[in-house]
PDB file of N, CA and C in Angstrom:
ATOM      1  N   LEU A   1      86.276  37.752  91.696  1.00  0.00           N
ATOM      2  CA  LEU A   1      86.560  37.953  93.080  1.00  0.00           C
ATOM      3  C   LEU A   1      87.479  37.216  94.061  1.00  0.00           C
ATOM      4  N   CYS A   2      87.923  36.421  94.865  1.00  0.00           N
ATOM      5  CA  CYS A   2      88.625  36.011  95.529  1.00  0.00           C
ATOM      6  C   CYS A   2      88.720  34.648  95.364  1.00  0.00           C
ATOM      7  N   PRO A   3      89.844  33.831  95.887  1.00  0.00           N
ATOM      8  CA  PRO A   3      89.589  32.172  96.209  1.00  0.00           C
ATOM      9  C   PRO A   3      88.701  32.018  97.315  1.00  0.00           C
ATOM     10  N   ALA A   4      88.429  31.007  97.381  1.00  0.00           N
ATOM     11  CA  ALA A   4      87.514  30.717  98.498  1.00  0.00           C
ATOM     12  C   ALA A   4      88.094  30.831  99.847  1.00  0.00           C
ATOM     13  N   GLU A   5      88.732  30.167 100.201  1.00  0.00           N
ATOM     14  CA  GLU A   5      90.263  30.176 101.624  1.00  0.00           C
ATOM     15  C   GLU A   5      90.218  31.650 101.829  1.00  0.00           C
ATOM     16  N   ALA A   6      90.227  32.930 100.820  1.00  0.00           N
ATOM     17  CA  ALA A   6      90.781  34.091 101.176  1.00  0.00           C
ATOM     18  C   ALA A   6      89.393  34.815 101.198  1.00  0.00           C
ATOM     19  N   TYR A   7      88.420  34.516 100.705  1.00  0.00           N
ATOM     20  CA  TYR A   7      86.954  35.053 101.141  1.00  0.00           C
ATOM     21  C   TYR A   7      86.404  35.619 102.079  1.00  0.00           C
ATOM     22  N   ARG A   8      86.043  36.836 102.906  1.00  0.00           N
ATOM     23  CA  ARG A   8      85.931  37.295 104.119  1.00  0.00           C
ATOM     24  C   ARG A   8      84.456  37.687 104.653  1.00  0.00           C
ATOM     25  N   GLY A   9      84.021  38.125 103.297  1.00  0.00           N
ATOM     26  CA  GLY A   9      82.460  38.578 103.392  1.00  0.00           C
ATOM     27  C   GLY A   9      82.247  39.242 102.402  1.00  0.00           C
ATOM     28  N   ASN A  10      80.920  39.752 102.481  1.00  0.00           N
ATOM     29  CA  ASN A  10      79.920  40.523 101.570  1.00  0.00           C
ATOM     30  C   ASN A  10      79.438  41.717 102.118  1.00  0.00           C
ATOM     31  N   LEU A  11      79.835  43.051 101.930  1.00  0.00           N
ATOM     32  CA  LEU A  11      79.318  43.988 102.383  1.00  0.00           C
ATOM     33  C   LEU A  11      77.911  44.644 101.991  1.00  0.00           C
ATOM     34  N   GLY A  12      77.641  43.712 100.784  1.00  0.00           N
ATOM     35  CA  GLY A  12      76.297  44.097 100.426  1.00  0.00           C
ATOM     36  C   GLY A  12      76.479  44.998  98.783  1.00  0.00           C
ATOM     37  N   HIS A  13      75.279  45.620  98.728  1.00  0.00           N
ATOM     38  CA  HIS A  13      75.393  46.579  97.588  1.00  0.00           C
ATOM     39  C   HIS A  13      75.848  47.994  97.917  1.00  0.00           C
ATOM     40  N   HIS A  14      76.615  48.736  97.265  1.00  0.00           N
ATOM     41  CA  HIS A  14      77.276  50.008  97.397  1.00  0.00           C
ATOM     42  C   HIS A  14      77.709  50.319  96.166  1.00  0.00           C
ATOM     43  N   SER A  15      78.346  52.043  96.123  1.00  0.00           N
ATOM     44  CA  SER A  15      78.933  52.438  95.228  1.00  0.00           C
ATOM     45  C   SER A  15      80.496  51.690  95.386  1.00  0.00           C
ATOM     46  N   SER A  16      81.148  52.200  94.170  1.00  0.00           N
ATOM     47  CA  SER A  16      82.553  52.319  94.566  1.00  0.00           C
ATOM     48  C   SER A  16      83.079  53.077  95.775  1.00  0.00           C
ATOM     49  N   TYR A  17      82.771  53.955  95.559  1.00  0.00           N
ATOM     50  CA  TYR A  17      83.103  54.633  96.891  1.00  0.00           C
ATOM     51  C   TYR A  17      82.864  54.632  97.994  1.00  0.00           C
ATOM     52  N   SER A  18      81.713  53.748  98.442  1.00  0.00           N
ATOM     53  CA  SER A  18      81.192  53.577  99.636  1.00  0.00           C
ATOM     54  C   SER A  18      81.693  52.279  99.770  1.00  0.00           C
ATOM     55  N   CYS A  19      81.992  51.571  98.917  1.00  0.00           N
ATOM     56  CA  CYS A  19      82.822  50.139  99.091  1.00  0.00           C
ATOM     57  C   CYS A  19      84.002  50.304  99.884  1.00  0.00           C
ATOM     58  N   LEU A  20      84.574  51.193  99.134  1.00  0.00           N
ATOM     59  CA  LEU A  20      86.092  51.691 100.027  1.00  0.00           C
ATOM     60  C   LEU A  20      85.989  52.145 101.212  1.00  0.00           C
ATOM     61  N   SER A  21      85.033  53.247 101.403  1.00  0.00           N
ATOM     62  CA  SER A  21      84.848  53.591 102.625  1.00  0.00           C
ATOM     63  C   SER A  21      84.571  52.674 103.811  1.00  0.00           C
ATOM     64  N   HIS A  22      83.237  52.210 103.262  1.00  0.00           N
ATOM     65  CA  HIS A  22      83.063  51.051 104.691  1.00  0.00           C
ATOM     66  C   HIS A  22      84.271  49.842 104.530  1.00  0.00           C
ATOM     67  N   ALA A  23      84.860  49.448 103.458  1.00  0.00           N
ATOM     68  CA  ALA A  23      86.016  48.514 104.184  1.00  0.00           C
ATOM     69  C   ALA A  23      87.173  49.250 104.656  1.00  0.00           C
ATOM     70  N   GLU A  24      87.247  50.628 104.413  1.00  0.00           N
ATOM     71  CA  GLU A  24      88.608  51.088 105.188  1.00  0.00           C
ATOM     72  C   GLU A  24      87.953  51.255 106.974  1.00  0.00           C
ATOM     73  N   ILE A  25      86.588  51.818 106.932  1.00  0.00           N
ATOM     74  CA  ILE A  25      86.700  52.110 108.507  1.00  0.00           C
ATOM     75  C   ILE A  25      86.085  50.978 109.047  1.00  0.00           C
ATOM     76  N   GLY A  26      86.026  49.899 108.438  1.00  0.00           N
ATOM     77  CA  GLY A  26      85.847  48.410 109.040  1.00  0.00           C
ATOM     78  C   GLY A  26      87.344  47.885 109.744  1.00  0.00           C
ATOM     79  N   THR A  27      88.116  47.879 108.545  1.00  0.00           N
ATOM     80  CA  THR A  27      89.713  47.836 108.699  1.00  0.00           C
ATOM     81  C   THR A  27      90.179  48.459 109.800  1.00  0.00           C
ATOM     82  N   GLN A  28      89.784  49.697 109.809  1.00  0.00           N
ATOM     83  CA  GLN A  28      90.938  50.536 110.804  1.00  0.00           C
ATOM     84  C   GLN A  28      90.136  50.293 112.362  1.00  0.00           C
ATOM     85  N   SER A  29      88.360  50.016 112.044  1.00  0.00           N
ATOM     86  CA  SER A  29      87.909  50.134 113.803  1.00  0.00           C
ATOM     87  C   SER A  29      88.313  48.267 114.349  1.00  0.00           C
ATOM     88  N   GLY A  30      89.009  47.206 113.597  1.00  0.00           N
ATOM     89  CA  GLY A  30      88.982  46.079 113.956  1.00  0.00           C
ATOM     90  C   GLY A  30      88.010  45.285 113.889  1.00  0.00           C
ATOM     91  N   TRP A  31      87.100  45.406 112.603  1.00  0.00           N
ATOM     92  CA  TRP A  31      85.452  44.744 112.774  1.00  0.00           C
ATOM     93  C   TRP A  31      86.170  43.684 111.542  1.00  0.00           C
ATOM     94  N   PHE A  32      86.865  44.024 110.528  1.00  0.00           N
ATOM     95  CA  PHE A  32      87.465  43.319 109.607  1.00  0.00           C
ATOM     96  C   PHE A  32      88.565  42.342 109.905  1.00  0.00           C
ATOM     97  N   PRO A  33      88.963  41.780 110.977  1.00  0.00           N
ATOM     98  CA  PRO A  33      90.668  41.528 111.375  1.00  0.00           C
ATOM     99  C   PRO A  33      91.256  40.828 109.767  1.00  0.00           C
ATOM    100  N   GLY A  34      92.026  41.301 109.328  1.00  0.00           N
ATOM    101  CA  GLY A  34      93.294  40.340 108.181  1.00  0.00           C
ATOM    102  C   GLY A  34      92.509  40.875 106.996  1.00  0.00           C
ATOM    103  N   VAL A  35      91.772  41.432 107.036  1.00  0.00           N
ATOM    104  CA  VAL A  35      91.072  41.713 105.904  1.00  0.00           C
ATOM    105  C   VAL A  35      92.208  42.890 104.950  1.00  0.00           C
ATOM    106  N   ASN A  36      92.524  42.596 103.535  1.00  0.00           N
ATOM    107  CA  ASN A  36      93.460  43.652 103.260  1.00  0.00           C
ATOM    108  C   ASN A  36      93.061  43.702 102.216  1.00  0.00           C
ATOM    109  N   ILE A  37      92.042  43.351 101.205  1.00  0.00           N
ATOM    110  CA  ILE A  37      91.539  43.489  99.839  1.00  0.00           C
ATOM    111  C   ILE A  37      89.828  44.004 100.419  1.00  0.00           C
ATOM    112  N   ALA A  38      89.369  44.766  98.986  1.00  0.00           N
ATOM    113  CA  ALA A  38      88.347  44.857  98.823  1.00  0.00           C
ATOM    114  C   ALA A  38      87.757  44.855  97.421  1.00  0.00           C
ATOM    115  N   VAL A  39      86.643  44.161  97.051  1.00  0.00           N
ATOM    116  CA  VAL A  39      86.519  43.991  95.891  1.00  0.00           C
ATOM    117  C   VAL A  39      85.060  44.634  95.464  1.00  0.00           C
ATOM    118  N   TYR A  40      85.158  45.618  94.244  1.00  0.00           N
ATOM    119  CA  TYR A  40      83.612  46.578  93.922  1.00  0.00           C
ATOM    120  C   TYR A  40      83.504  45.906  92.541  1.00  0.00           C
ATOM    121  N   ARG A  41      82.263  45.122  92.684  1.00  0.00           N
ATOM    122  CA  ARG A  41      81.894  44.156  91.324  1.00  0.00           C
ATOM    123  C   ARG A  41      80.596  44.973  90.890  1.00  0.00           C
ATOM    124  N   GLY A  42      81.121  46.560  90.230  1.00  0.00           N
ATOM    125  CA  GLY A  42      80.250  47.186  89.769  1.00  0.00           C
ATOM    126  C   GLY A  42      79.991  46.638  88.220  1.00  0.00           C
ATOM    127  N   ASP A  43      80.580  45.570  87.767  1.00  0.00           N
ATOM    128  CA  ASP A  43      80.717  44.968  86.779  1.00  0.00           C
ATOM    129  C   ASP A  43      78.918  44.422  86.675  1.00  0.00           C
ATOM    130  N   THR A  44      79.073  43.634  87.778  1.00  0.00           N
ATOM    131  CA  THR A  44      77.878  42.646  87.945  1.00  0.00           C
ATOM    132  C   THR A  44      76.757  42.896  89.162  1.00  0.00           C
ATOM    133  N   THR A  45      76.985  42.967  90.330  1.00  0.00           N
ATOM    134  CA  THR A  45      76.106  42.870  91.519  1.00  0.00           C
ATOM    135  C   THR A  45      75.908  44.126  91.877  1.00  0.00           C
ATOM    136  N   GLY A  46      76.977  45.038  91.942  1.00  0.00           N
ATOM    137  CA  GLY A  46      77.498  46.449  92.369  1.00  0.00           C
ATOM    138  C   GLY A  46      77.697  45.521  94.341  1.00  0.00           C
ATOM    139  N   ASP A  47      78.074  44.635  94.831  1.00  0.00           N
ATOM    140  CA  ASP A  47      78.390  44.324  95.810  1.00  0.00           C
ATOM    141  C   ASP A  47      79.935  44.301  95.882  1.00  0.00           C
ATOM    142  N   CYS A  48      80.137  44.582  97.316  1.00  0.00           N
ATOM    143  CA  CYS A  48      81.428  44.951  97.735  1.00  0.00           C
ATOM    144  C   CYS A  48      82.222  43.681  98.866  1.00  0.00           C
ATOM    145  N   TYR A  49      82.775  42.871  98.216  1.00  0.00           N
ATOM    146  CA  TYR A  49      83.360  41.642  99.028  1.00  0.00           C
ATOM    147  C   TYR A  49      84.778  42.446  99.438  1.00  0.00           C
ATOM    148  N   LEU A  50      84.959  41.359 100.756  1.00  0.00           N
ATOM    149  CA  LEU A  50      86.055  41.569 101.169  1.00  0.00           C
ATOM    150  C   LEU A  50      86.806  40.363 101.463  1.00  0.00           C
ATOM    151  N   CYS A  51      88.572  40.264 100.927  1.00  0.00           N
ATOM    152  CA  CYS A  51      89.045  39.307 101.173  1.00  0.00           C
ATOM    153  C   CYS A  51      90.309  39.791 101.762  1.00  0.00           C
ATOM    154  N   GLN A  52      91.374  38.539 102.185  1.00  0.00           N
ATOM    155  CA  GLN A  52      92.565  38.729 102.665  1.00  0.00           C
ATOM    156  C   GLN A  52      93.508  37.418 101.719  1.00  0.00           C
ATOM    157  N   LEU A  53      94.184  38.138 101.107  1.00  0.00           N
ATOM    158  CA  LEU A  53      95.272  37.563 100.017  1.00  0.00           C
ATOM    159  C   LEU A  53      96.473  37.766 100.933  1.00  0.00           C
ATOM    160  N   THR A  54      97.424  36.460 100.506  1.00  0.00           N
ATOM    161  CA  THR A  54      98.980  37.009 101.176  1.00  0.00           C
ATOM    162  C   THR A  54      99.346  37.109 100.280  1.00  0.00           C
ATOM    163  N   GLY A  55     100.832  36.668 100.965  1.00  0.00           N
ATOM    164  CA  GLY A  55     101.860  36.694  99.563  1.00  0.00           C
ATOM    165  C   GLY A  55     102.235  38.034  98.875  1.00  0.00           C
ATOM    166  N   ASN A  56     103.316  38.161  97.999  1.00  0.00           N
ATOM    167  CA  ASN A  56     103.397  39.183  97.296  1.00  0.00           C
ATOM    168  C   ASN A  56     101.967  39.928  95.966  1.00  0.00           C
ATOM    169  N   SER A  57     101.938  40.949  96.417  1.00  0.00           N
ATOM    170  CA  SER A  57     100.554  41.231  95.324  1.00  0.00           C
ATOM    171  C   SER A  57     100.510  40.928  94.169  1.00  0.00           C
ATOM    172  N   SER A  58     102.494  40.922  93.625  1.00  0.00           N
ATOM    173  CA  SER A  58     102.505  41.296  91.932  1.00  0.00           C
ATOM    174  C   SER A  58     102.444  39.388  91.995  1.00  0.00           C
ATOM    175  N   LEU A  59     101.828  38.275  92.851  1.00  0.00           N
ATOM    176  CA  LEU A  59     101.396  37.067  92.275  1.00  0.00           C
ATOM    177  C   LEU A  59      99.977  37.056  92.252  1.00  0.00           C
ATOM    178  N   TRP A  60      99.509  37.811  92.819  1.00  0.00           N
ATOM    179  CA  TRP A  60      97.791  37.401  93.160  1.00  0.00           C
ATOM    180  C   TRP A  60      97.277  37.532  91.181  1.00  0.00           C
ATOM    181  N   ASN A  61      96.371  36.709  91.143  1.00  0.00           N
ATOM    182  CA  ASN A  61      95.858  36.709  90.185  1.00  0.00           C
ATOM    183  C   ASN A  61      94.659  37.258  90.213  1.00  0.00           C
ATOM    184  N   MET A  62      94.934  38.538  89.621  1.00  0.00           N
ATOM    185  CA  MET A  62      93.759  39.384  88.917  1.00  0.00           C
ATOM    186  C   MET A  62      93.561  39.550  87.771  1.00  0.00           C
ATOM    187  N   ARG A  63      92.500  39.737  86.915  1.00  0.00           N
ATOM    188  CA  ARG A  63      92.270  40.191  85.870  1.00  0.00           C
ATOM    189  C   ARG A  63      91.508  41.424  85.306  1.00  0.00           C
ATOM    190  N   ASP A  64      91.588  41.972  84.574  1.00  0.00           N
ATOM    191  CA  ASP A  64      91.179  43.151  84.517  1.00  0.00           C
ATOM    192  C   ASP A  64      89.420  42.913  83.804  1.00  0.00           C
ATOM    193  N   VAL A  65      88.452  43.752  84.365  1.00  0.00           N
ATOM    194  CA  VAL A  65      87.320  43.501  84.360  1.00  0.00           C
ATOM    195  C   VAL A  65      86.699  44.967  84.534  1.00  0.00           C
ATOM    196  N   LYS A  66      85.964  45.535  83.404  1.00  0.00           N
ATOM    197  CA  LYS A  66      85.046  46.850  82.672  1.00  0.00           C
ATOM    198  C   LYS A  66      84.563  46.840  84.386  1.00  0.00           C
ATOM    199  N   GLY A  67      84.565  47.661  84.737  1.00  0.00           N
ATOM    200  CA  GLY A  67      83.392  47.842  85.980  1.00  0.00           C
ATOM    201  C   GLY A  67      83.933  47.509  87.209  1.00  0.00           C
ATOM    202  N   ALA A  68      84.633  46.364  87.629  1.00  0.00           N
ATOM    203  CA  ALA A  68      85.149  45.851  88.630  1.00  0.00           C
ATOM    204  C   ALA A  68      86.728  46.688  89.283  1.00  0.00           C
ATOM    205  N   MET A  69      86.656  46.988  90.170  1.00  0.00           N
ATOM    206  CA  MET A  69      87.743  47.308  90.992  1.00  0.00           C
ATOM    207  C   MET A  69      88.304  46.896  92.136  1.00  0.00           C
ATOM    208  N   VAL A  70      89.017  46.535  92.479  1.00  0.00           N
ATOM    209  CA  VAL A  70      89.883  46.116  93.779  1.00  0.00           C
ATOM    210  C   VAL A  70      90.940  47.367  94.192  1.00  0.00           C
ATOM    211  N   PHE A  71      90.118  47.365  95.720  1.00  0.00           N
ATOM    212  CA  PHE A  71      90.885  48.407  96.613  1.00  0.00           C
ATOM    213  C   PHE A  71      92.106  47.441  97.398  1.00  0.00           C
ATOM    214  N   VAL A  72      93.138  47.476  97.788  1.00  0.00           N
ATOM    215  CA  VAL A  72      94.212  47.041  98.338  1.00  0.00           C
ATOM    216  C   VAL A  72      94.153  48.208  99.918  1.00  0.00           C
ATOM    217  N   LEU A  73      93.989  47.731 100.921  1.00  0.00           N
ATOM    218  CA  LEU A  73      93.691  48.310 101.992  1.00  0.00           C
ATOM    219  C   LEU A  73      94.945  48.103 103.031  1.00  0.00           C
ATOM    220  N   ARG A  74      95.378  49.081 103.658  1.00  0.00           N
ATOM    221  CA  ARG A  74      96.612  48.842 104.144  1.00  0.00           C
ATOM    222  C   ARG A  74      96.748  47.911 105.613  1.00  0.00           C
ATOM    223  N   GLU A  75      97.200  46.960 105.573  1.00  0.00           N
ATOM    224  CA  GLU A  75      97.473  46.111 106.948  1.00  0.00           C
ATOM    225  C   GLU A  75      97.967  46.650 108.004  1.00  0.00           C
ATOM    226  N   GLY A  76      97.840  46.106 108.865  1.00  0.00           N
ATOM    227  CA  GLY A  76      97.934  46.629 110.157  1.00  0.00           C
ATOM    228  C   GLY A  76      97.863  48.057 110.421  1.00  0.00           C
ATOM    229  N   GLN A  77      97.067  48.184 109.742  1.00  0.00           N
ATOM    230  CA  GLN A  77      96.762  49.834 110.485  1.00  0.00           C
ATOM    231  C   GLN A  77      95.403  50.464 111.346  1.00  0.00           C
ATOM    232  N   ASN A  78      95.307  49.242 112.107  1.00  0.00           N
ATOM    233  CA  ASN A  78      94.072  49.401 113.005  1.00  0.00           C
ATOM    234  C   ASN A  78      94.332  50.290 114.194  1.00  0.00           C
ATOM    235  N   HIS A  79      93.253  51.350 114.170  1.00  0.00           N
ATOM    236  CA  HIS A  79      93.416  52.321 115.172  1.00  0.00           C
ATOM    237  C   HIS A  79      93.197  51.969 116.731  1.00  0.00           C
ATOM    238  N   LYS A  80      94.590  52.432 117.400  1.00  0.00           N
ATOM    239  CA  LYS A  80      94.121  51.805 118.717  1.00  0.00           C
ATOM    240  C   LYS A  80      92.961  52.276 119.701  1.00  0.00           C
ATOM    241  N   PRO A  81      91.995  51.598 120.262  1.00  0.00           N
ATOM    242  CA  PRO A  81      90.884  52.886 120.863  1.00  0.00           C
ATOM    243  C   PRO A  81      91.774  53.588 121.986  1.00  0.00           C
ATOM    244  N   ALA A  82      90.730  54.831 122.270  1.00  0.00           N
ATOM    245  CA  ALA A  82      91.542  55.925 122.538  1.00  0.00           C
ATOM    246  C   ALA A  82      91.739  55.864 124.045  1.00  0.00           C
ATOM    247  N   THR A  83      93.066  56.379 124.547  1.00  0.00           N
ATOM    248  CA  THR A  83      93.838  55.867 126.294  1.00  0.00           C
ATOM    249  C   THR A  83      92.656  56.589 126.781  1.00  0.00           C
ATOM    250  N   ALA A  84      92.768  56.734 127.908  1.00  0.00           N
ATOM    251  CA  ALA A  84      91.952  57.192 129.245  1.00  0.00           C
ATOM    252  C   ALA A  84      92.375  59.217 128.775  1.00  0.00           C
ATOM    253  N   LYS A  85      93.443  59.218 128.587  1.00  0.00           N
ATOM    254  CA  LYS A  85      93.724  60.742 128.697  1.00  0.00           C
ATOM    255  C   LYS A  85      93.143  60.911 127.683  1.00  0.00           C
ATOM    256  N   MET A  86      92.996  60.195 126.110  1.00  0.00           N
ATOM    257  CA  MET A  86      92.215  61.267 125.349  1.00  0.00           C
ATOM    258  C   MET A  86      91.029  61.352 125.594  1.00  0.00           C
ATOM    259  N   GLN A  87      90.237  60.253 126.181  1.00  0.00           N
ATOM    260  CA  GLN A  87      88.838  60.017 126.455  1.00  0.00           C
ATOM    261  C   GLN A  87      88.531  61.397 127.202  1.00  0.00           C
ATOM    262  N   ASN A  88      89.320  61.755 127.920  1.00  0.00           N
ATOM    263  CA  ASN A  88      89.150  63.289 129.193  1.00  0.00           C
ATOM    264  C   ASN A  88      89.480  64.238 128.652  1.00  0.00           C
ATOM    265  N   ASP A  89      90.462  64.291 127.775  1.00  0.00           N
ATOM    266  CA  ASP A  89      90.588  65.508 126.621  1.00  0.00           C
ATOM    267  C   ASP A  89      89.487  66.143 126.549  1.00  0.00           C
ATOM    268  N   ASP A  90      88.537  67.455 126.820  1.00  0.00           N
ATOM    269  CA  ASP A  90      88.172  68.123 126.317  1.00  0.00           C
ATOM    270  C   ASP A  90      88.194  69.600 125.721  1.00  0.00           C
ATOM    271  N   ASP A  91      89.571  69.195 124.985  1.00  0.00           N
ATOM    272  CA  ASP A  91      89.848  70.208 124.222  1.00  0.00           C
ATOM    273  C   ASP A  91      89.920  71.383 124.463  1.00  0.00           C
ATOM    274  N   ASP A  92      89.690  72.008 125.470  1.00  0.00           N
ATOM    275  CA  ASP A  92      89.917  73.438 125.997  1.00  0.00           C
ATOM    276  C   ASP A  92      91.417  73.901 126.044  1.00  0.00           C
ATOM    277  N   ASP A  93      92.134  73.279 126.060  1.00  0.00           N
ATOM    278  CA  ASP A  93      93.972  73.597 125.731  1.00  0.00           C
ATOM    279  C   ASP A  93      94.597  73.995 127.455  1.00  0.00           C
ATOM    280  N   ASP A  94      93.989  73.422 128.207  1.00  0.00           N
ATOM    281  CA  ASP A  94      94.451  73.502 129.639  1.00  0.00           C
ATOM    282  C   ASP A  94      95.082  71.896 130.199  1.00  0.00           C
ATOM    283  N   ALA A  95      95.583  71.732 131.518  1.00  0.00           N
ATOM    284  CA  ALA A  95      95.772  70.780 131.555  1.00  0.00           C
ATOM    285  C   ALA A  95      95.237  69.717 131.798  1.00  0.00           C
ATOM    286  N   ASP A  96      93.807  69.783 131.375  1.00  0.00           N
ATOM    287  CA  ASP A  96      93.052  68.951 130.938  1.00  0.00           C
ATOM    288  C   ASP A  96      92.374  68.600 132.454  1.00  0.00           C
ATOM    289  N   GLY A  97      91.790  69.447 132.805  1.00  0.00           N
ATOM    290  CA  GLY A  97      91.159  69.045 134.698  1.00  0.00           C
ATOM    291  C   GLY A  97      89.526  69.209 134.159  1.00  0.00           C
ATOM    292  N   GLY A  98      88.968  69.337 133.205  1.00  0.00           N
ATOM    293  CA  GLY A  98      87.537  69.408 132.899  1.00  0.00           C
ATOM    294  C   GLY A  98      87.179  70.229 132.117  1.00  0.00           C
ATOM    295  N   ALA A  99      85.865  70.375 131.609  1.00  0.00           N
ATOM    296  CA  ALA A  99      85.602  71.204 130.514  1.00  0.00           C
ATOM    297  C   ALA A  99      85.494  72.632 131.155  1.00  0.00           C
ATOM    298  N   ASP A 100      85.828  72.843 132.196  1.00  0.00           N
ATOM    299  CA  ASP A 100      85.557  74.374 132.566  1.00  0.00           C
ATOM    300  C   ASP A 100      87.160  74.534 133.024  1.00  0.00           C
ATOM    301  N   GLY A 101      87.887  73.987 132.447  1.00  0.00           N
ATOM    302  CA  GLY A 101      89.520  74.396 133.246  1.00  0.00           C
ATOM    303  C   GLY A 101      90.229  73.827 134.158  1.00  0.00           C
ATOM    304  N   GLY A 102      89.306  73.235 134.931  1.00  0.00           N
ATOM    305  CA  GLY A 102      89.592  72.139 135.980  1.00  0.00           C
ATOM    306  C   GLY A 102      90.724  72.905 136.984  1.00  0.00           C
ATOM    307  N   GLY A 103      91.707  73.547 136.863  1.00  0.00           N
ATOM    308  CA  GLY A 103      92.470  74.082 137.252  1.00  0.00           C
ATOM    309  C   GLY A 103      92.427  75.141 138.314  1.00  0.00           C
ATOM    310  N   GLU A 104      93.447  75.926 138.018  1.00  0.00           N
ATOM    311  CA  GLU A 104      93.579  77.288 138.855  1.00  0.00           C
ATOM    312  C   GLU A 104      92.260  78.474 137.801  1.00  0.00           C
ATOM    313  N   ALA A 105      91.551  79.294 138.642  1.00  0.00           N
ATOM    314  CA  ALA A 105      90.942  80.077 137.889  1.00  0.00           C
ATOM    315  C   ALA A 105      91.525  81.222 137.322  1.00  0.00           C
ATOM    316  N   GLU A 106      91.437  82.118 136.568  1.00  0.00           N
ATOM    317  CA  GLU A 106      92.083  83.609 135.855  1.00  0.00           C
ATOM    318  C   GLU A 106      92.170  84.421 137.168  1.00  0.00           C
ATOM    319  N   ASP A 107      91.424  84.496 137.917  1.00  0.00           N
ATOM    320  CA  ASP A 107      92.236  85.305 139.451  1.00  0.00           C
ATOM    321  C   ASP A 107      93.360  84.496 139.637  1.00  0.00           C
ATOM    322  N   GLY A 108      93.448  83.319 139.778  1.00  0.00           N
ATOM    323  CA  GLY A 108      94.708  82.472 140.557  1.00  0.00           C
ATOM    324  C   GLY A 108      93.810  81.747 141.543  1.00  0.00           C
ATOM    325  N   GLU A 109      92.791  81.892 142.037  1.00  0.00           N
ATOM    326  CA  GLU A 109      92.443  81.095 142.960  1.00  0.00           C
ATOM    327  C   GLU A 109      91.982  79.846 141.986  1.00  0.00           C
ATOM    328  N   GLU A 110      91.899  78.884 143.044  1.00  0.00           N
ATOM    329  CA  GLU A 110      91.390  77.524 142.270  1.00  0.00           C
ATOM    330  C   GLU A 110      89.868  77.367 142.292  1.00  0.00           C
ATOM    331  N   ASP A 111      89.428  76.727 141.300  1.00  0.00           N
ATOM    332  CA  ASP A 111      88.204  76.619 141.271  1.00  0.00           C
ATOM    333  C   ASP A 111      87.549  76.044 142.402  1.00  0.00           C
ATOM    334  N   GLY A 112      86.178  75.593 142.235  1.00  0.00           N
ATOM    335  CA  GLY A 112      85.336  75.395 143.691  1.00  0.00           C
ATOM    336  C   GLY A 112      84.018  75.223 143.571  1.00  0.00           C
TER     337      GLY A 112
END
């Protein structure tokens, strides 16, 4: 697993794919601050553990265990919350005046 001081939690029983998916979504959403490793224990419990390892990854004490997987997550890749402009973007390719275009109508008159 990971050293006690690096342990950040157990996401419970998963497949290897869902372990990686949950860990990535959680770190990107800021739910698991500092987590940079997900360990899937397919060799034993099938649980997904989160860790925060520091230093050069070549110095991490990892063992090759059949059925276990270690996923290194991108540190510092947390997505920022949407800005007000992004939240109001209705994706209709206008200057973002709303869902109906909000700017000028097609005949040149303002909406009203």
